Amino acid sequence: MMKKGCYVLAMMVLLTGCSMLPGGDGGSSSTTSSSTASGQGKRPAPNDSEITSSVRAALKQDDLLAGNDVDVTSDEGVVTLSGRLPNARAANRAFSVARSTDGVRRVISNLTWPSP
């Protein structure tokens, strides 16, 4: 009897969870789709030149990174960082700053620093 109750509970959880997925029976997905399709809600994703400019500005504003020369490129939201920094800490910070910038999907770090 206990096992049957567990199976029923598990099935209820699975069915309820599936109904909340897009295209499920949750009812909210059609509202979300129509508001996105009509241009309301989220603003369009930034293009690559906007992403590159935003990452460069964020790097210059960071106390640890200001004054360092980091080359930034973006291709379909994939940002590549290149250049030489004073240490691994600065490289990690540059990676984090770039990753947290709006529109960035992924960061590739080609940053180098001197050996200790």
Protein backbone atom coordinates (compact mmCIF):
# COMPACT_ATOMS: atom_id res chain seq x y z
CA MET A 1 0.00 0.00 0.00
CA MET A 2 2.83 2.38 0.87
CA LYS A 3 4.62 1.73 -2.45
CA LYS A 4 1.46 2.42 -4.42
CA GLY A 5 1.09 5.79 -2.63
CA CYS A 6 4.68 6.70 -3.46
CA TYR A 7 4.16 5.85 -7.14
CA VAL A 8 1.00 7.93 -7.28
CA LEU A 9 2.77 10.86 -5.62
CA ALA A 10 5.72 10.55 -8.01
CA MET A 11 3.41 10.53 -11.03
CA MET A 12 1.56 13.61 -9.75
CA VAL A 13 4.85 15.48 -9.33
CA LEU A 14 6.02 14.50 -12.81
CA LEU A 15 2.74 15.46 -14.45
CA THR A 16 2.52 18.77 -12.63
CA GLY A 17 6.14 19.61 -13.50
CA CYS A 18 5.59 18.82 -17.17
CA SER A 19 2.56 21.07 -17.35
CA MET A 20 4.71 24.01 -16.32
CA LEU A 21 7.10 23.57 -19.24
CA PRO A 22 6.70 25.70 -22.38
CA GLY A 23 4.07 24.09 -24.54
CA GLY A 24 2.66 22.20 -21.53
CA ASP A 25 -0.81 22.63 -20.09
CA GLY A 26 0.26 25.31 -17.57
CA GLY A 27 -1.54 28.03 -19.52
CA SER A 28 1.10 30.71 -18.92
CA SER A 29 3.31 29.83 -21.89
CA SER A 30 0.90 31.25 -24.47
CA THR A 31 0.79 34.55 -22.59
CA THR A 32 4.58 34.65 -22.39
CA SER A 33 4.94 33.84 -26.08
CA SER A 34 2.47 36.49 -27.18
CA SER A 35 4.02 39.23 -25.05
CA THR A 36 7.49 38.39 -26.38
CA ALA A 37 6.21 38.21 -29.94
CA SER A 38 4.49 41.57 -29.64
CA GLY A 39 7.75 43.20 -28.52
CA GLN A 40 6.75 43.80 -24.92
CA GLY A 41 8.78 42.68 -21.95
CA LYS A 42 12.47 41.97 -22.54
CA ARG A 43 14.49 44.33 -24.68
CA PRO A 44 16.40 42.87 -27.62
CA ALA A 45 19.77 41.29 -26.89
CA PRO A 46 22.74 43.62 -27.46
CA ASN A 47 24.67 43.15 -30.69
CA ASP A 48 28.36 42.28 -30.76
CA SER A 49 29.65 45.86 -30.99
CA GLU A 50 27.51 46.84 -27.97
CA ILE A 51 28.77 43.81 -26.04
CA THR A 52 32.39 44.62 -26.89
CA SER A 53 31.95 48.26 -25.82
CA SER A 54 30.23 47.25 -22.59
CA VAL A 55 32.94 44.75 -21.66
CA ARG A 56 35.71 47.27 -22.42
CA ALA A 57 33.99 49.91 -20.28
CA ALA A 58 33.46 47.46 -17.40
CA LEU A 59 37.12 46.41 -17.50
CA LYS A 60 38.27 50.05 -17.39
CA GLN A 61 36.00 50.77 -14.40
CA ASP A 62 37.38 47.88 -12.35
CA ASP A 63 40.10 48.99 -9.89
CA LEU A 64 42.19 45.86 -10.40
CA LEU A 65 42.02 46.04 -14.20
CA ALA A 66 42.11 49.78 -14.93
CA GLY A 67 45.22 50.74 -16.86
CA ASN A 68 45.77 47.25 -18.28
CA ASP A 69 45.50 46.63 -22.00
CA VAL A 70 42.94 43.87 -22.64
CA ASP A 71 41.76 43.26 -26.19
CA VAL A 72 38.05 42.40 -26.36
CA THR A 73 36.18 40.90 -29.30
CA SER A 74 32.69 39.46 -29.53
CA ASP A 75 31.12 37.09 -32.02
CA GLU A 76 27.47 36.15 -31.49
CA GLY A 77 27.79 36.86 -27.78
CA VAL A 78 31.00 34.86 -27.36
CA VAL A 79 33.59 37.25 -25.94
CA THR A 80 37.31 36.65 -26.38
CA LEU A 81 39.78 38.36 -24.06
CA SER A 82 43.44 38.69 -25.08
CA GLY A 83 46.42 40.47 -23.58
CA ARG A 84 48.98 40.34 -20.80
CA LEU A 85 47.98 41.08 -17.23
CA PRO A 86 50.15 41.39 -14.12
CA ASN A 87 48.86 38.20 -12.44
CA ALA A 88 46.33 35.37 -12.46
CA ARG A 89 44.05 37.26 -10.08
CA ALA A 90 43.65 40.06 -12.63
CA ALA A 91 42.96 37.51 -15.39
CA ASN A 92 40.28 35.84 -13.27
CA ARG A 93 38.71 39.21 -12.53
CA ALA A 94 38.68 40.14 -16.23
CA PHE A 95 36.96 36.84 -17.01
CA SER A 96 34.33 37.45 -14.30
CA VAL A 97 33.70 41.03 -15.38
CA ALA A 98 33.23 39.96 -18.99
CA ARG A 99 30.98 37.03 -18.02
CA SER A 100 28.67 39.28 -16.00
CA THR A 101 28.18 41.76 -18.85
CA ASP A 102 24.72 41.84 -20.44
CA GLY A 103 24.50 39.81 -23.65
CA VAL A 104 27.61 37.69 -23.04
CA ARG A 105 26.90 34.01 -23.65
CA ARG A 106 30.42 32.67 -23.15
CA VAL A 107 33.94 33.98 -22.47
CA ILE A 108 37.15 32.67 -24.01
CA SER A 109 40.25 33.83 -22.16
CA ASN A 110 43.52 34.10 -24.05
CA LEU A 111 44.97 36.25 -21.27
CA THR A 112 48.53 35.67 -20.08
CA TRP A 113 50.54 36.77 -17.05
CA PRO A 114 54.14 36.31 -15.88
CA SER A 115 55.11 33.18 -13.95
CA PRO A 116 55.57 33.75 -10.21
